[in-house]
Amino acid sequence: MPQLQDLVLTDRESTPVDHTFHPRDIVTGVGTVAESTGVPIGDNVVTASLRRTPTNRYKAVVKGTFPIVQTQTINGIDTPVVVRTANVEFNFSFDATSTEQERKNVVGMMASSLGTSKTLINDLLTKLQGVY
């Protein structure tokens, strides 16, 4: 069982930046790590959970929430406001009889599908181009 710990994720800026997410809490089996922006509504958050279903499957879910915050000025009062949010969700479902190597292979292939050279997935997600 992995301990809730720092998670360092690298973005795709022209000069890549590492973003460190620190443990926030664990509530009903969902671990949360966050990259603090100094304004809580603007924190980037990643959650991870695992549960076993009644049909003998393991459901793993990793979610990310990445808000964009701007300062809004009304009557001379500055207030941070979320103007948009990117939400990401990875769902994995494994049979209880699957092997660790099978799960490693599936996770590896899906991670590989997010590479910049994999235009089917990359352009769909980053350029918002539909599949034809």
C-alpha atoms as a PDB file:
ATOM      1  CA  MET A   1       0.000   0.000   0.000  1.00  0.00           C
ATOM      2  CA  PRO A   2       1.632   3.286  -1.071  1.00  0.00           C
ATOM      3  CA  GLN A   3       1.972   5.969   1.542  1.00  0.00           C
ATOM      4  CA  LEU A   4       0.561   9.409   0.756  1.00  0.00           C
ATOM      5  CA  GLN A   5       3.647  11.327  -0.299  1.00  0.00           C
ATOM      6  CA  ASP A   6       4.916  14.192  -2.437  1.00  0.00           C
ATOM      7  CA  LEU A   7       4.143  13.797  -6.131  1.00  0.00           C
ATOM      8  CA  VAL A   8       6.302  15.666  -8.656  1.00  0.00           C
ATOM      9  CA  LEU A   9       4.731  16.153 -12.090  1.00  0.00           C
ATOM     10  CA  THR A  10       6.440  17.828 -15.049  1.00  0.00           C
ATOM     11  CA  ASP A  11       4.499  20.079 -17.415  1.00  0.00           C
ATOM     12  CA  ARG A  12       5.120  20.616 -21.135  1.00  0.00           C
ATOM     13  CA  GLU A  13       6.301  24.225 -21.081  1.00  0.00           C
ATOM     14  CA  SER A  14       9.075  25.011 -23.586  1.00  0.00           C
ATOM     15  CA  THR A  15      11.316  24.842 -20.526  1.00  0.00           C
ATOM     16  CA  PRO A  16       9.584  22.090 -18.510  1.00  0.00           C
ATOM     17  CA  VAL A  17       8.690  22.904 -14.922  1.00  0.00           C
ATOM     18  CA  ASP A  18       8.356  20.396 -12.095  1.00  0.00           C
ATOM     19  CA  HIS A  19       5.229  20.865  -9.984  1.00  0.00           C
ATOM     20  CA  THR A  20       5.365  19.404  -6.474  1.00  0.00           C
ATOM     21  CA  PHE A  21       2.111  18.244  -4.961  1.00  0.00           C
ATOM     22  CA  HIS A  22       2.234  17.781  -1.184  1.00  0.00           C
ATOM     23  CA  PRO A  23       0.003  15.471   0.875  1.00  0.00           C
ATOM     24  CA  ARG A  24      -3.202  17.164   1.966  1.00  0.00           C
ATOM     25  CA  ASP A  25      -5.391  14.426   3.458  1.00  0.00           C
ATOM     26  CA  ILE A  26      -7.014  11.022   3.141  1.00  0.00           C
ATOM     27  CA  VAL A  27     -10.800  10.900   3.350  1.00  0.00           C
ATOM     28  CA  THR A  28     -12.704   7.610   2.981  1.00  0.00           C
ATOM     29  CA  GLY A  29      -9.850   5.971   1.086  1.00  0.00           C
ATOM     30  CA  VAL A  30      -9.176   8.889  -1.283  1.00  0.00           C
ATOM     31  CA  GLY A  31      -5.690  10.346  -0.951  1.00  0.00           C
ATOM     32  CA  THR A  32      -5.266  13.996  -1.929  1.00  0.00           C
ATOM     33  CA  VAL A  33      -2.100  15.881  -2.806  1.00  0.00           C
ATOM     34  CA  ALA A  34      -2.043  19.555  -3.743  1.00  0.00           C
ATOM     35  CA  GLU A  35       0.238  22.130  -5.299  1.00  0.00           C
ATOM     36  CA  SER A  36      -0.448  25.242  -3.276  1.00  0.00           C
ATOM     37  CA  THR A  37      -0.750  28.509  -5.137  1.00  0.00           C
ATOM     38  CA  GLY A  38      -1.227  30.587  -1.998  1.00  0.00           C
ATOM     39  CA  VAL A  39      -4.925  30.974  -2.848  1.00  0.00           C
ATOM     40  CA  PRO A  40      -6.759  27.760  -1.888  1.00  0.00           C
ATOM     41  CA  ILE A  41      -9.329  28.015  -4.702  1.00  0.00           C
ATOM     42  CA  GLY A  42      -6.407  27.998  -7.137  1.00  0.00           C
ATOM     43  CA  ASP A  43      -4.642  24.926  -5.792  1.00  0.00           C
ATOM     44  CA  ASN A  44      -3.910  22.170  -8.298  1.00  0.00           C
ATOM     45  CA  VAL A  45      -5.154  18.917  -6.767  1.00  0.00           C
ATOM     46  CA  VAL A  46      -4.594  15.241  -7.573  1.00  0.00           C
ATOM     47  CA  THR A  47      -6.548  12.466  -5.878  1.00  0.00           C
ATOM     48  CA  ALA A  48      -6.001   8.704  -5.946  1.00  0.00           C
ATOM     49  CA  SER A  49      -8.227   5.879  -4.772  1.00  0.00           C
ATOM     50  CA  LEU A  50      -8.648   2.125  -5.065  1.00  0.00           C
ATOM     51  CA  ARG A  51     -11.679   0.014  -4.265  1.00  0.00           C
ATOM     52  CA  ARG A  52     -12.752  -3.565  -4.768  1.00  0.00           C
ATOM     53  CA  THR A  53     -16.123  -4.069  -6.411  1.00  0.00           C
ATOM     54  CA  PRO A  54     -18.720  -6.727  -5.575  1.00  0.00           C
ATOM     55  CA  THR A  55     -17.927  -8.329  -8.960  1.00  0.00           C
ATOM     56  CA  ASN A  56     -14.330  -9.003  -7.868  1.00  0.00           C
ATOM     57  CA  ARG A  57     -12.683  -6.173  -9.798  1.00  0.00           C
ATOM     58  CA  TYR A  58     -10.309  -3.506  -8.586  1.00  0.00           C
ATOM     59  CA  LYS A  59     -11.211   0.060  -9.595  1.00  0.00           C
ATOM     60  CA  ALA A  60      -8.373   2.578  -9.454  1.00  0.00           C
ATOM     61  CA  VAL A  61      -9.177   6.238 -10.064  1.00  0.00           C
ATOM     62  CA  VAL A  62      -6.725   9.113 -10.367  1.00  0.00           C
ATOM     63  CA  LYS A  63      -8.213  12.587 -10.783  1.00  0.00           C
ATOM     64  CA  GLY A  64      -6.639  15.972 -11.339  1.00  0.00           C
ATOM     65  CA  THR A  65      -8.182  19.411 -10.970  1.00  0.00           C
ATOM     66  CA  PHE A  66      -6.241  22.356 -12.350  1.00  0.00           C
ATOM     67  CA  PRO A  67      -7.951  25.743 -11.901  1.00  0.00           C
ATOM     68  CA  ILE A  68      -6.885  29.004 -13.524  1.00  0.00           C
ATOM     69  CA  VAL A  69      -7.330  31.958 -11.164  1.00  0.00           C
ATOM     70  CA  GLN A  70      -7.388  35.633 -12.029  1.00  0.00           C
ATOM     71  CA  THR A  71      -7.860  38.689  -9.873  1.00  0.00           C
ATOM     72  CA  GLN A  72     -11.215  40.379 -10.284  1.00  0.00           C
ATOM     73  CA  THR A  73     -11.538  44.001  -9.168  1.00  0.00           C
ATOM     74  CA  ILE A  74     -14.972  45.292  -8.256  1.00  0.00           C
ATOM     75  CA  ASN A  75     -15.388  48.662  -6.531  1.00  0.00           C
ATOM     76  CA  GLY A  76     -11.660  48.716  -5.816  1.00  0.00           C
ATOM     77  CA  ILE A  77     -11.720  45.319  -4.078  1.00  0.00           C
ATOM     78  CA  ASP A  78      -9.462  42.609  -5.527  1.00  0.00           C
ATOM     79  CA  THR A  79     -10.784  39.062  -5.309  1.00  0.00           C
ATOM     80  CA  PRO A  80      -9.309  35.856  -6.738  1.00  0.00           C
ATOM     81  CA  VAL A  81     -11.767  34.110  -9.061  1.00  0.00           C
ATOM     82  CA  VAL A  82     -11.554  30.762 -10.830  1.00  0.00           C
ATOM     83  CA  VAL A  83     -12.092  31.579 -14.508  1.00  0.00           C
ATOM     84  CA  ARG A  84     -11.786  28.024 -15.821  1.00  0.00           C
ATOM     85  CA  THR A  85     -10.706  24.582 -14.655  1.00  0.00           C
ATOM     86  CA  ALA A  86      -9.159  21.583 -16.382  1.00  0.00           C
ATOM     87  CA  ASN A  87     -10.372  18.269 -14.984  1.00  0.00           C
ATOM     88  CA  VAL A  88      -8.699  14.953 -15.745  1.00  0.00           C
ATOM     89  CA  GLU A  89      -9.727  11.460 -14.727  1.00  0.00           C
ATOM     90  CA  PHE A  90      -7.989   8.133 -15.261  1.00  0.00           C
ATOM     91  CA  ASN A  91     -10.103   5.053 -14.567  1.00  0.00           C
ATOM     92  CA  PHE A  92      -8.543   1.623 -14.455  1.00  0.00           C
ATOM     93  CA  SER A  93     -10.502  -1.564 -13.865  1.00  0.00           C
ATOM     94  CA  PHE A  94      -8.617  -4.806 -13.284  1.00  0.00           C
ATOM     95  CA  ASP A  95      -9.914  -8.297 -12.732  1.00  0.00           C
ATOM     96  CA  ALA A  96      -8.889  -9.777  -9.390  1.00  0.00           C
ATOM     97  CA  THR A  97      -7.138 -12.583 -11.289  1.00  0.00           C
ATOM     98  CA  SER A  98      -4.955 -10.204 -13.329  1.00  0.00           C
ATOM     99  CA  THR A  99      -1.229 -10.442 -12.760  1.00  0.00           C
ATOM    100  CA  GLU A 100       0.974  -7.576 -11.645  1.00  0.00           C
ATOM    101  CA  GLN A 101       2.802  -7.754 -14.990  1.00  0.00           C
ATOM    102  CA  GLU A 102      -0.481  -7.470 -16.897  1.00  0.00           C
ATOM    103  CA  ARG A 103      -1.374  -4.373 -14.861  1.00  0.00           C
ATOM    104  CA  LYS A 104       2.107  -2.901 -15.383  1.00  0.00           C
ATOM    105  CA  ASN A 105       1.758  -3.408 -19.141  1.00  0.00           C
ATOM    106  CA  VAL A 106      -1.660  -1.731 -19.299  1.00  0.00           C
ATOM    107  CA  VAL A 107      -0.502   1.235 -17.201  1.00  0.00           C
ATOM    108  CA  GLY A 108       2.682   1.529 -19.275  1.00  0.00           C
ATOM    109  CA  MET A 109       0.796   1.479 -22.567  1.00  0.00           C
ATOM    110  CA  MET A 110      -1.666   4.121 -21.375  1.00  0.00           C
ATOM    111  CA  ALA A 111       1.171   6.327 -20.070  1.00  0.00           C
ATOM    112  CA  SER A 112       2.896   5.905 -23.434  1.00  0.00           C
ATOM    113  CA  SER A 113      -0.287   6.948 -25.239  1.00  0.00           C
ATOM    114  CA  LEU A 114       0.092  10.413 -23.688  1.00  0.00           C
ATOM    115  CA  GLY A 115       3.473  11.039 -25.359  1.00  0.00           C
ATOM    116  CA  THR A 116       3.760  14.000 -27.718  1.00  0.00           C
ATOM    117  CA  SER A 117       4.614  11.713 -30.637  1.00  0.00           C
ATOM    118  CA  LYS A 118       1.305   9.826 -30.269  1.00  0.00           C
ATOM    119  CA  THR A 119      -0.702  12.290 -32.368  1.00  0.00           C
ATOM    120  CA  LEU A 120      -4.010  10.412 -32.133  1.00  0.00           C
ATOM    121  CA  ILE A 121      -4.211  11.036 -28.390  1.00  0.00           C
ATOM    122  CA  ASN A 122      -1.946  14.092 -28.120  1.00  0.00           C
ATOM    123  CA  ASP A 123      -3.753  16.167 -30.749  1.00  0.00           C
ATOM    124  CA  LEU A 124      -7.152  15.091 -29.495  1.00  0.00           C
ATOM    125  CA  LEU A 125      -6.286  16.260 -25.956  1.00  0.00           C
ATOM    126  CA  THR A 126      -3.998  19.250 -26.557  1.00  0.00           C
ATOM    127  CA  LYS A 127      -5.238  20.630 -29.874  1.00  0.00           C
ATOM    128  CA  LEU A 128      -8.873  19.610 -29.348  1.00  0.00           C
ATOM    129  CA  GLN A 129      -8.897  17.942 -32.751  1.00  0.00           C
ATOM    130  CA  GLY A 130     -11.515  15.272 -33.329  1.00  0.00           C
ATOM    131  CA  VAL A 131     -10.720  11.849 -34.735  1.00  0.00           C
ATOM    132  CA  TYR A 132     -11.584  11.204 -38.372  1.00  0.00           C
END
